[in-house]
Amino acid sequence: MGVGMDSAGSNRIAMDVEQVSAVAGYYRRSSLVLTAVADDLAAHDFGRWARTDADPGPASSLGPSAATYAEMSATLSVRLRTQSRAAAVLADTLRNSAIIMAAGDAHAADEITRATPGSGATTG
């Protein structure tokens, strides 16, 4: 995506719609991966090896290391979900921008065709 000045000095916006769509797809996939990793972290008992007893249940005692790993896992899961939401919003914004720009280009081309004498298009 680039913004520049043409030879007449007016502002012009140029967008490679295919490239923007590809970047939007990348962020959409990134969002899905981040959510999957956050789900995985939330579903597993990290630091189990550091427990003070072998009981995997909620009554099991957590040693200092196990508690630290559990807290770190929970924090990472929250942060990954935040990043996933941000990536999804960015993907949607990029996709919508590409759609709007492509539609605007098509509309402008139609208007130019109608306004050009001898184009065969009818006005009105």
Foldseek 3Di string as FASTA:
>chain_A
DDWDADPVGDIDDDDPLVVLLVLLVVLLVLLVVLLVLLVVLVPDQPLQVQWPDNDPDPVTHHDPSSVVRNVVSNVSSVVSNVSSVVSNVSSVVSNVVSVVVVVVVVVVVVVVLCPDPPSPHDDD
